[in-house]
Amino acid sequence: MKILTVLLTVAIAVVFIGTAMAVPPGKTVEFTDGAMGKVIFDGKVHADKGLKCNDCHTKIWPMKKGTKMTMADMNGGKFCGTCHNGTKAFATKDSKNCGKCHKK
């Protein structure tokens, strides 16, 4: 019984850790990119489109602070590029969209 309680506690913690580490609506996280300027991710913008934190965490984004991502990754369909592919959302590959995320 004790083992079952411990396993259940761990399972619950794993389920809720994505919510704890994601950027909730009303909060932002800033990524720095020396060449193109910083990117400020606003959880509210995505929530307003009907997305929930666990739509990306942990399905698309690993839950690890400091995860490195590149435009090549995104253009290859990873990270933001999973949805920002020109079909579901504006494409990361299209240079006219750079200013939608990157701010000098």
PDB file of N, CA and C in Angstrom:
ATOM      1  N   MET A   1       0.825  -1.195   0.000  1.00  0.00           N
ATOM      2  CA  MET A   1       0.000   0.000   0.000  1.00  0.00           C
ATOM      3  C   MET A   1       0.868   1.257   0.000  1.00  0.00           C
ATOM      4  N   LYS A   2       1.964   1.185   0.758  1.00  0.00           N
ATOM      5  CA  LYS A   2       2.874   2.328   0.845  1.00  0.00           C
ATOM      6  C   LYS A   2       3.489   2.630  -0.520  1.00  0.00           C
ATOM      7  N   ILE A   3       3.856   1.599  -1.263  1.00  0.00           N
ATOM      8  CA  ILE A   3       4.451   1.769  -2.588  1.00  0.00           C
ATOM      9  C   ILE A   3       3.432   2.388  -3.535  1.00  0.00           C
ATOM     10  N   LEU A   4       2.194   1.952  -3.463  1.00  0.00           N
ATOM     11  CA  LEU A   4       1.137   2.499  -4.308  1.00  0.00           C
ATOM     12  C   LEU A   4       0.936   3.988  -4.035  1.00  0.00           C
ATOM     13  N   THR A   5       0.979   4.380  -2.766  1.00  0.00           N
ATOM     14  CA  THR A   5       0.835   5.793  -2.397  1.00  0.00           C
ATOM     15  C   THR A   5       1.983   6.625  -2.957  1.00  0.00           C
ATOM     16  N   VAL A   6       3.198   6.111  -2.856  1.00  0.00           N
ATOM     17  CA  VAL A   6       4.367   6.819  -3.376  1.00  0.00           C
ATOM     18  C   VAL A   6       4.271   6.949  -4.900  1.00  0.00           C
ATOM     19  N   LEU A   7       3.920   5.875  -5.586  1.00  0.00           N
ATOM     20  CA  LEU A   7       3.801   5.916  -7.046  1.00  0.00           C
ATOM     21  C   LEU A   7       2.704   6.883  -7.490  1.00  0.00           C
ATOM     22  N   LEU A   8       1.599   6.895  -6.789  1.00  0.00           N
ATOM     23  CA  LEU A   8       0.513   7.820  -7.109  1.00  0.00           C
ATOM     24  C   LEU A   8       0.947   9.266  -6.892  1.00  0.00           C
ATOM     25  N   THR A   9       1.664   9.534  -5.828  1.00  0.00           N
ATOM     26  CA  THR A   9       2.171  10.880  -5.551  1.00  0.00           C
ATOM     27  C   THR A   9       3.122  11.340  -6.646  1.00  0.00           C
ATOM     28  N   VAL A  10       4.018  10.472  -7.064  1.00  0.00           N
ATOM     29  CA  VAL A  10       4.968  10.808  -8.133  1.00  0.00           C
ATOM     30  C   VAL A  10       4.218  11.062  -9.440  1.00  0.00           C
ATOM     31  N   ALA A  11       3.234  10.232  -9.757  1.00  0.00           N
ATOM     32  CA  ALA A  11       2.469  10.410 -10.996  1.00  0.00           C
ATOM     33  C   ALA A  11       1.738  11.752 -11.000  1.00  0.00           C
ATOM     34  N   ILE A  12       1.157  12.123  -9.899  1.00  0.00           N
ATOM     35  CA  ILE A  12       0.456  13.411  -9.802  1.00  0.00           C
ATOM     36  C   ILE A  12       1.444  14.563  -9.965  1.00  0.00           C
ATOM     37  N   ALA A  13       2.599  14.455  -9.346  1.00  0.00           N
ATOM     38  CA  ALA A  13       3.617  15.509  -9.462  1.00  0.00           C
ATOM     39  C   ALA A  13       4.064  15.669 -10.910  1.00  0.00           C
ATOM     40  N   VAL A  14       4.264  14.569 -11.618  1.00  0.00           N
ATOM     41  CA  VAL A  14       4.695  14.630 -13.017  1.00  0.00           C
ATOM     42  C   VAL A  14       3.635  15.304 -13.875  1.00  0.00           C
ATOM     43  N   VAL A  15       2.377  15.011 -13.636  1.00  0.00           N
ATOM     44  CA  VAL A  15       1.290  15.605 -14.412  1.00  0.00           C
ATOM     45  C   VAL A  15       1.237  17.112 -14.222  1.00  0.00           C
ATOM     46  N   PHE A  16       1.435  17.573 -12.996  1.00  0.00           N
ATOM     47  CA  PHE A  16       1.291  18.998 -12.710  1.00  0.00           C
ATOM     48  C   PHE A  16       2.560  19.811 -12.893  1.00  0.00           C
ATOM     49  N   ILE A  17       3.704  19.183 -13.079  1.00  0.00           N
ATOM     50  CA  ILE A  17       4.943  19.947 -13.236  1.00  0.00           C
ATOM     51  C   ILE A  17       4.930  20.773 -14.513  1.00  0.00           C
ATOM     52  N   GLY A  18       4.303  20.286 -15.584  1.00  0.00           N
ATOM     53  CA  GLY A  18       4.213  21.052 -16.832  1.00  0.00           C
ATOM     54  C   GLY A  18       3.495  22.365 -16.621  1.00  0.00           C
ATOM     55  N   THR A  19       2.420  22.353 -15.858  1.00  0.00           N
ATOM     56  CA  THR A  19       1.675  23.571 -15.579  1.00  0.00           C
ATOM     57  C   THR A  19       2.508  24.522 -14.738  1.00  0.00           C
ATOM     58  N   ALA A  20       3.258  24.006 -13.806  1.00  0.00           N
ATOM     59  CA  ALA A  20       4.054  24.857 -12.927  1.00  0.00           C
ATOM     60  C   ALA A  20       5.188  25.540 -13.678  1.00  0.00           C
ATOM     61  N   MET A  21       5.740  24.886 -14.704  1.00  0.00           N
ATOM     62  CA  MET A  21       6.899  25.431 -15.388  1.00  0.00           C
ATOM     63  C   MET A  21       6.541  26.204 -16.657  1.00  0.00           C
ATOM     64  N   ALA A  22       5.322  26.060 -17.147  1.00  0.00           N
ATOM     65  CA  ALA A  22       4.912  26.754 -18.365  1.00  0.00           C
ATOM     66  C   ALA A  22       4.684  28.228 -18.087  1.00  0.00           C
ATOM     67  N   VAL A  23       4.621  29.030 -19.139  1.00  0.00           N
ATOM     68  CA  VAL A  23       4.366  30.462 -19.007  1.00  0.00           C
ATOM     69  C   VAL A  23       2.854  30.652 -18.997  1.00  0.00           C
ATOM     70  N   PRO A  24       2.287  30.986 -17.848  1.00  0.00           N
ATOM     71  CA  PRO A  24       0.830  31.109 -17.771  1.00  0.00           C
ATOM     72  C   PRO A  24       0.342  32.392 -18.430  1.00  0.00           C
ATOM     73  N   PRO A  25      -0.956  32.446 -18.758  1.00  0.00           N
ATOM     74  CA  PRO A  25      -1.522  33.674 -19.319  1.00  0.00           C
ATOM     75  C   PRO A  25      -1.238  34.853 -18.388  1.00  0.00           C
ATOM     76  N   GLY A  26      -0.840  35.968 -18.975  1.00  0.00           N
ATOM     77  CA  GLY A  26      -0.523  37.153 -18.186  1.00  0.00           C
ATOM     78  C   GLY A  26       0.946  37.265 -17.807  1.00  0.00           C
ATOM     79  N   LYS A  27       1.719  36.234 -18.079  1.00  0.00           N
ATOM     80  CA  LYS A  27       3.151  36.236 -17.773  1.00  0.00           C
ATOM     81  C   LYS A  27       3.928  36.118 -19.078  1.00  0.00           C
ATOM     82  N   THR A  28       5.172  36.518 -19.044  1.00  0.00           N
ATOM     83  CA  THR A  28       6.027  36.417 -20.222  1.00  0.00           C
ATOM     84  C   THR A  28       7.362  35.781 -19.844  1.00  0.00           C
ATOM     85  N   VAL A  29       8.039  35.281 -20.839  1.00  0.00           N
ATOM     86  CA  VAL A  29       9.412  34.807 -20.676  1.00  0.00           C
ATOM     87  C   VAL A  29      10.198  35.390 -21.839  1.00  0.00           C
ATOM     88  N   GLU A  30      11.419  35.804 -21.565  1.00  0.00           N
ATOM     89  CA  GLU A  30      12.244  36.455 -22.578  1.00  0.00           C
ATOM     90  C   GLU A  30      13.413  35.562 -22.964  1.00  0.00           C
ATOM     91  N   PHE A  31      13.585  35.409 -24.264  1.00  0.00           N
ATOM     92  CA  PHE A  31      14.723  34.691 -24.819  1.00  0.00           C
ATOM     93  C   PHE A  31      15.612  35.720 -25.498  1.00  0.00           C
ATOM     94  N   THR A  32      16.907  35.615 -25.325  1.00  0.00           N
ATOM     95  CA  THR A  32      17.804  36.569 -25.964  1.00  0.00           C
ATOM     96  C   THR A  32      18.454  35.930 -27.180  1.00  0.00           C
ATOM     97  N   ASP A  33      18.490  36.711 -28.233  1.00  0.00           N
ATOM     98  CA  ASP A  33      19.104  36.289 -29.487  1.00  0.00           C
ATOM     99  C   ASP A  33      19.925  37.476 -29.952  1.00  0.00           C
ATOM    100  N   GLY A  34      21.217  37.394 -29.826  1.00  0.00           N
ATOM    101  CA  GLY A  34      22.080  38.523 -30.143  1.00  0.00           C
ATOM    102  C   GLY A  34      21.918  39.081 -31.535  1.00  0.00           C
ATOM    103  N   ALA A  35      21.725  38.229 -32.508  1.00  0.00           N
ATOM    104  CA  ALA A  35      21.671  38.675 -33.897  1.00  0.00           C
ATOM    105  C   ALA A  35      20.341  39.332 -34.255  1.00  0.00           C
ATOM    106  N   MET A  36      19.251  38.747 -33.853  1.00  0.00           N
ATOM    107  CA  MET A  36      17.932  39.210 -34.275  1.00  0.00           C
ATOM    108  C   MET A  36      17.167  39.973 -33.201  1.00  0.00           C
ATOM    109  N   GLY A  37      17.698  40.046 -32.000  1.00  0.00           N
ATOM    110  CA  GLY A  37      16.995  40.710 -30.913  1.00  0.00           C
ATOM    111  C   GLY A  37      16.257  39.712 -30.052  1.00  0.00           C
ATOM    112  N   LYS A  38      15.721  40.218 -28.951  1.00  0.00           N
ATOM    113  CA  LYS A  38      15.077  39.318 -28.000  1.00  0.00           C
ATOM    114  C   LYS A  38      13.695  38.880 -28.487  1.00  0.00           C
ATOM    115  N   VAL A  39      13.280  37.739 -27.983  1.00  0.00           N
ATOM    116  CA  VAL A  39      11.947  37.203 -28.238  1.00  0.00           C
ATOM    117  C   VAL A  39      11.243  37.150 -26.894  1.00  0.00           C
ATOM    118  N   ILE A  40      10.078  37.762 -26.829  1.00  0.00           N
ATOM    119  CA  ILE A  40       9.291  37.721 -25.605  1.00  0.00           C
ATOM    120  C   ILE A  40       8.078  36.843 -25.865  1.00  0.00           C
ATOM    121  N   PHE A  41       8.008  35.727 -25.162  1.00  0.00           N
ATOM    122  CA  PHE A  41       6.887  34.813 -25.300  1.00  0.00           C
ATOM    123  C   PHE A  41       5.831  35.200 -24.278  1.00  0.00           C
ATOM    124  N   ASP A  42       4.626  35.446 -24.752  1.00  0.00           N
ATOM    125  CA  ASP A  42       3.501  35.823 -23.896  1.00  0.00           C
ATOM    126  C   ASP A  42       2.495  34.682 -23.878  1.00  0.00           C
ATOM    127  N   GLY A  43       2.337  34.051 -22.733  1.00  0.00           N
ATOM    128  CA  GLY A  43       1.399  32.943 -22.600  1.00  0.00           C
ATOM    129  C   GLY A  43      -0.028  33.343 -22.925  1.00  0.00           C
ATOM    130  N   LYS A  44      -0.400  34.604 -22.682  1.00  0.00           N
ATOM    131  CA  LYS A  44      -1.765  35.071 -22.930  1.00  0.00           C
ATOM    132  C   LYS A  44      -2.113  35.042 -24.418  1.00  0.00           C
ATOM    133  N   VAL A  45      -1.168  35.418 -25.257  1.00  0.00           N
ATOM    134  CA  VAL A  45      -1.410  35.416 -26.705  1.00  0.00           C
ATOM    135  C   VAL A  45      -1.828  34.021 -27.163  1.00  0.00           C
ATOM    136  N   HIS A  46      -1.136  33.012 -26.681  1.00  0.00           N
ATOM    137  CA  HIS A  46      -1.445  31.643 -27.072  1.00  0.00           C
ATOM    138  C   HIS A  46      -2.722  31.150 -26.388  1.00  0.00           C
ATOM    139  N   ALA A  47      -2.940  31.530 -25.144  1.00  0.00           N
ATOM    140  CA  ALA A  47      -4.173  31.147 -24.440  1.00  0.00           C
ATOM    141  C   ALA A  47      -5.390  31.762 -25.125  1.00  0.00           C
ATOM    142  N   ASP A  48      -5.248  32.984 -25.620  1.00  0.00           N
ATOM    143  CA  ASP A  48      -6.350  33.644 -26.327  1.00  0.00           C
ATOM    144  C   ASP A  48      -6.710  32.918 -27.626  1.00  0.00           C
ATOM    145  N   LYS A  49      -5.785  32.134 -28.142  1.00  0.00           N
ATOM    146  CA  LYS A  49      -6.040  31.336 -29.354  1.00  0.00           C
ATOM    147  C   LYS A  49      -6.640  29.972 -28.999  1.00  0.00           C
ATOM    148  N   GLY A  50      -6.888  29.758 -27.699  1.00  0.00           N
ATOM    149  CA  GLY A  50      -7.508  28.510 -27.258  1.00  0.00           C
ATOM    150  C   GLY A  50      -6.534  27.426 -26.848  1.00  0.00           C
ATOM    151  N   LEU A  51      -5.246  27.755 -26.761  1.00  0.00           N
ATOM    152  CA  LEU A  51      -4.255  26.751 -26.383  1.00  0.00           C
ATOM    153  C   LEU A  51      -4.129  26.659 -24.869  1.00  0.00           C
ATOM    154  N   LYS A  52      -3.813  25.488 -24.411  1.00  0.00           N
ATOM    155  CA  LYS A  52      -3.574  25.231 -22.998  1.00  0.00           C
ATOM    156  C   LYS A  52      -2.092  24.922 -22.829  1.00  0.00           C
ATOM    157  N   CYS A  53      -1.579  25.140 -21.626  1.00  0.00           N
ATOM    158  CA  CYS A  53      -0.154  24.928 -21.362  1.00  0.00           C
ATOM    159  C   CYS A  53       0.317  23.547 -21.815  1.00  0.00           C
ATOM    160  N   ASN A  54      -0.491  22.516 -21.482  1.00  0.00           N
ATOM    161  CA  ASN A  54      -0.023  21.164 -21.814  1.00  0.00           C
ATOM    162  C   ASN A  54      -0.177  20.805 -23.290  1.00  0.00           C
ATOM    163  N   ASP A  55      -0.694  21.722 -24.112  1.00  0.00           N
ATOM    164  CA  ASP A  55      -0.670  21.487 -25.559  1.00  0.00           C
ATOM    165  C   ASP A  55       0.777  21.487 -26.063  1.00  0.00           C
ATOM    166  N   CYS A  56       1.620  22.264 -25.425  1.00  0.00           N
ATOM    167  CA  CYS A  56       3.043  22.326 -25.810  1.00  0.00           C
ATOM    168  C   CYS A  56       3.948  21.630 -24.799  1.00  0.00           C
ATOM    169  N   HIS A  57       3.664  21.811 -23.545  1.00  0.00           N
ATOM    170  CA  HIS A  57       4.480  21.211 -22.482  1.00  0.00           C
ATOM    171  C   HIS A  57       3.845  19.908 -22.067  1.00  0.00           C
ATOM    172  N   THR A  58       4.391  18.863 -22.187  1.00  0.00           N
ATOM    173  CA  THR A  58       5.709  18.391 -22.567  1.00  0.00           C
ATOM    174  C   THR A  58       5.714  17.740 -23.946  1.00  0.00           C
ATOM    175  N   LYS A  59       4.647  17.930 -24.688  1.00  0.00           N
ATOM    176  CA  LYS A  59       4.535  17.292 -25.999  1.00  0.00           C
ATOM    177  C   LYS A  59       5.531  17.866 -27.008  1.00  0.00           C
ATOM    178  N   ILE A  60       5.701  19.187 -27.004  1.00  0.00           N
ATOM    179  CA  ILE A  60       6.582  19.849 -27.968  1.00  0.00           C
ATOM    180  C   ILE A  60       7.862  20.335 -27.288  1.00  0.00           C
ATOM    181  N   TRP A  61       7.703  20.928 -26.125  1.00  0.00           N
ATOM    182  CA  TRP A  61       8.841  21.499 -25.387  1.00  0.00           C
ATOM    183  C   TRP A  61       9.281  20.569 -24.280  1.00  0.00           C
ATOM    184  N   PRO A  62      10.577  20.256 -24.207  1.00  0.00           N
ATOM    185  CA  PRO A  62      11.051  19.490 -23.052  1.00  0.00           C
ATOM    186  C   PRO A  62      10.983  20.395 -21.815  1.00  0.00           C
ATOM    187  N   MET A  63      10.703  19.834 -20.698  1.00  0.00           N
ATOM    188  CA  MET A  63      10.586  20.616 -19.474  1.00  0.00           C
ATOM    189  C   MET A  63      11.964  20.761 -18.833  1.00  0.00           C
ATOM    190  N   LYS A  64      12.822  21.517 -19.480  1.00  0.00           N
ATOM    191  CA  LYS A  64      14.178  21.692 -18.992  1.00  0.00           C
ATOM    192  C   LYS A  64      14.592  23.130 -19.246  1.00  0.00           C
ATOM    193  N   LYS A  65      14.865  23.853 -18.176  1.00  0.00           N
ATOM    194  CA  LYS A  65      15.298  25.238 -18.299  1.00  0.00           C
ATOM    195  C   LYS A  65      16.626  25.276 -19.055  1.00  0.00           C
ATOM    196  N   GLY A  66      16.745  26.262 -19.940  1.00  0.00           N
ATOM    197  CA  GLY A  66      17.982  26.413 -20.689  1.00  0.00           C
ATOM    198  C   GLY A  66      18.041  25.594 -21.962  1.00  0.00           C
ATOM    199  N   THR A  67      16.909  25.003 -22.360  1.00  0.00           N
ATOM    200  CA  THR A  67      16.879  24.242 -23.605  1.00  0.00           C
ATOM    201  C   THR A  67      17.283  25.159 -24.758  1.00  0.00           C
ATOM    202  N   LYS A  68      18.230  24.726 -25.540  1.00  0.00           N
ATOM    203  CA  LYS A  68      18.706  25.522 -26.670  1.00  0.00           C
ATOM    204  C   LYS A  68      17.848  25.238 -27.891  1.00  0.00           C
ATOM    205  N   MET A  69      17.444  26.304 -28.570  1.00  0.00           N
ATOM    206  CA  MET A  69      16.688  26.141 -29.808  1.00  0.00           C
ATOM    207  C   MET A  69      17.262  27.090 -30.837  1.00  0.00           C
ATOM    208  N   THR A  70      17.197  26.696 -32.072  1.00  0.00           N
ATOM    209  CA  THR A  70      17.698  27.523 -33.153  1.00  0.00           C
ATOM    210  C   THR A  70      16.600  27.710 -34.196  1.00  0.00           C
ATOM    211  N   MET A  71      16.780  28.681 -35.064  1.00  0.00           N
ATOM    212  CA  MET A  71      15.827  28.871 -36.144  1.00  0.00           C
ATOM    213  C   MET A  71      15.837  27.653 -37.066  1.00  0.00           C
ATOM    214  N   ALA A  72      16.988  27.021 -37.216  1.00  0.00           N
ATOM    215  CA  ALA A  72      17.048  25.808 -38.036  1.00  0.00           C
ATOM    216  C   ALA A  72      16.158  24.717 -37.436  1.00  0.00           C
ATOM    217  N   ASP A  73      16.171  24.604 -36.092  1.00  0.00           N
ATOM    218  CA  ASP A  73      15.277  23.653 -35.431  1.00  0.00           C
ATOM    219  C   ASP A  73      13.821  23.997 -35.726  1.00  0.00           C
ATOM    220  N   MET A  74      13.478  25.268 -35.534  1.00  0.00           N
ATOM    221  CA  MET A  74      12.084  25.691 -35.733  1.00  0.00           C
ATOM    222  C   MET A  74      11.658  25.521 -37.183  1.00  0.00           C
ATOM    223  N   ASN A  75      12.527  25.915 -38.108  1.00  0.00           N
ATOM    224  CA  ASN A  75      12.207  25.758 -39.529  1.00  0.00           C
ATOM    225  C   ASN A  75      12.091  24.292 -39.921  1.00  0.00           C
ATOM    226  N   GLY A  76      12.699  23.421 -39.130  1.00  0.00           N
ATOM    227  CA  GLY A  76      12.615  21.979 -39.342  1.00  0.00           C
ATOM    228  C   GLY A  76      11.427  21.338 -38.634  1.00  0.00           C
ATOM    229  N   GLY A  77      10.573  22.169 -38.020  1.00  0.00           N
ATOM    230  CA  GLY A  77       9.366  21.646 -37.392  1.00  0.00           C
ATOM    231  C   GLY A  77       9.479  21.325 -35.919  1.00  0.00           C
ATOM    232  N   LYS A  78      10.553  21.765 -35.284  1.00  0.00           N
ATOM    233  CA  LYS A  78      10.697  21.547 -33.840  1.00  0.00           C
ATOM    234  C   LYS A  78      10.321  22.825 -33.092  1.00  0.00           C
ATOM    235  N   PHE A  79      10.120  22.699 -31.800  1.00  0.00           N
ATOM    236  CA  PHE A  79       9.786  23.828 -30.921  1.00  0.00           C
ATOM    237  C   PHE A  79       8.638  24.645 -31.506  1.00  0.00           C
ATOM    238  N   CYS A  80       8.790  25.942 -31.649  1.00  0.00           N
ATOM    239  CA  CYS A  80       7.731  26.805 -32.184  1.00  0.00           C
ATOM    240  C   CYS A  80       7.301  26.366 -33.578  1.00  0.00           C
ATOM    241  N   GLY A  81       8.235  25.844 -34.345  1.00  0.00           N
ATOM    242  CA  GLY A  81       7.963  25.437 -35.717  1.00  0.00           C
ATOM    243  C   GLY A  81       6.992  24.277 -35.843  1.00  0.00           C
ATOM    244  N   THR A  82       6.696  23.609 -34.734  1.00  0.00           N
ATOM    245  CA  THR A  82       5.704  22.537 -34.758  1.00  0.00           C
ATOM    246  C   THR A  82       4.353  23.085 -35.204  1.00  0.00           C
ATOM    247  N   CYS A  83       3.990  24.257 -34.679  1.00  0.00           N
ATOM    248  CA  CYS A  83       2.721  24.902 -35.060  1.00  0.00           C
ATOM    249  C   CYS A  83       2.934  26.050 -36.040  1.00  0.00           C
ATOM    250  N   HIS A  84       4.045  26.758 -35.892  1.00  0.00           N
ATOM    251  CA  HIS A  84       4.331  27.903 -36.767  1.00  0.00           C
ATOM    252  C   HIS A  84       4.967  27.391 -38.054  1.00  0.00           C
ATOM    253  N   ASN A  85       4.121  26.695 -38.827  1.00  0.00           N
ATOM    254  CA  ASN A  85       4.572  26.032 -40.049  1.00  0.00           C
ATOM    255  C   ASN A  85       3.910  26.595 -41.304  1.00  0.00           C
ATOM    256  N   GLY A  86       3.130  27.673 -41.132  1.00  0.00           N
ATOM    257  CA  GLY A  86       2.437  28.259 -42.276  1.00  0.00           C
ATOM    258  C   GLY A  86       1.057  27.681 -42.501  1.00  0.00           C
ATOM    259  N   THR A  87       0.730  26.620 -41.796  1.00  0.00           N
ATOM    260  CA  THR A  87      -0.590  26.012 -41.909  1.00  0.00           C
ATOM    261  C   THR A  87      -1.410  26.302 -40.666  1.00  0.00           C
ATOM    262  N   LYS A  88      -0.894  25.902 -39.526  1.00  0.00           N
ATOM    263  CA  LYS A  88      -1.600  26.131 -38.261  1.00  0.00           C
ATOM    264  C   LYS A  88      -1.420  27.570 -37.787  1.00  0.00           C
ATOM    265  N   ALA A  89      -0.237  28.107 -37.946  1.00  0.00           N
ATOM    266  CA  ALA A  89       0.085  29.483 -37.554  1.00  0.00           C
ATOM    267  C   ALA A  89       1.138  30.005 -38.538  1.00  0.00           C
ATOM    268  N   PHE A  90       1.414  31.316 -38.457  1.00  0.00           N
ATOM    269  CA  PHE A  90       2.377  31.894 -39.404  1.00  0.00           C
ATOM    270  C   PHE A  90       3.693  31.121 -39.374  1.00  0.00           C
ATOM    271  N   ALA A  91       4.358  31.068 -40.514  1.00  0.00           N
ATOM    272  CA  ALA A  91       5.553  30.248 -40.672  1.00  0.00           C
ATOM    273  C   ALA A  91       6.810  30.941 -40.163  1.00  0.00           C
ATOM    274  N   THR A  92       7.628  30.178 -39.415  1.00  0.00           N
ATOM    275  CA  THR A  92       8.918  30.703 -38.973  1.00  0.00           C
ATOM    276  C   THR A  92       9.873  30.846 -40.155  1.00  0.00           C
ATOM    277  N   LYS A  93       9.680  30.080 -41.220  1.00  0.00           N
ATOM    278  CA  LYS A  93      10.568  30.111 -42.384  1.00  0.00           C
ATOM    279  C   LYS A  93      10.426  31.386 -43.210  1.00  0.00           C
ATOM    280  N   ASP A  94       9.287  32.056 -43.104  1.00  0.00           N
ATOM    281  CA  ASP A  94       9.013  33.235 -43.923  1.00  0.00           C
ATOM    282  C   ASP A  94       9.638  34.470 -43.276  1.00  0.00           C
ATOM    283  N   SER A  95      10.621  35.086 -43.934  1.00  0.00           N
ATOM    284  CA  SER A  95      11.364  36.213 -43.361  1.00  0.00           C
ATOM    285  C   SER A  95      10.482  37.426 -43.049  1.00  0.00           C
ATOM    286  N   LYS A  96       9.329  37.539 -43.674  1.00  0.00           N
ATOM    287  CA  LYS A  96       8.451  38.671 -43.362  1.00  0.00           C
ATOM    288  C   LYS A  96       7.826  38.538 -41.969  1.00  0.00           C
ATOM    289  N   ASN A  97       7.946  37.373 -41.361  1.00  0.00           N
ATOM    290  CA  ASN A  97       7.384  37.138 -40.022  1.00  0.00           C
ATOM    291  C   ASN A  97       8.377  37.335 -38.891  1.00  0.00           C
ATOM    292  N   CYS A  98       9.624  37.608 -39.184  1.00  0.00           N
ATOM    293  CA  CYS A  98      10.658  37.711 -38.139  1.00  0.00           C
ATOM    294  C   CYS A  98      10.244  38.686 -37.029  1.00  0.00           C
ATOM    295  N   GLY A  99       9.749  39.855 -37.421  1.00  0.00           N
ATOM    296  CA  GLY A  99       9.384  40.887 -36.452  1.00  0.00           C
ATOM    297  C   GLY A  99       8.200  40.545 -35.568  1.00  0.00           C
ATOM    298  N   LYS A 100       7.491  39.481 -35.884  1.00  0.00           N
ATOM    299  CA  LYS A 100       6.375  39.058 -35.030  1.00  0.00           C
ATOM    300  C   LYS A 100       6.877  38.481 -33.705  1.00  0.00           C
ATOM    301  N   CYS A 101       8.085  37.979 -33.708  1.00  0.00           N
ATOM    302  CA  CYS A 101       8.674  37.405 -32.487  1.00  0.00           C
ATOM    303  C   CYS A 101       9.913  38.153 -32.030  1.00  0.00           C
ATOM    304  N   HIS A 102      10.785  38.496 -32.974  1.00  0.00           N
ATOM    305  CA  HIS A 102      12.071  39.122 -32.628  1.00  0.00           C
ATOM    306  C   HIS A 102      11.917  40.641 -32.532  1.00  0.00           C
ATOM    307  N   LYS A 103      12.344  41.197 -31.388  1.00  0.00           N
ATOM    308  CA  LYS A 103      12.270  42.644 -31.155  1.00  0.00           C
ATOM    309  C   LYS A 103      13.688  43.165 -30.934  1.00  0.00           C
ATOM    310  N   LYS A 104      14.044  44.168 -31.719  1.00  0.00           N
ATOM    311  CA  LYS A 104      15.396  44.775 -31.582  1.00  0.00           C
ATOM    312  C   LYS A 104      15.418  45.716 -30.400  1.00  0.00           C
TER     313      LYS A 104
END
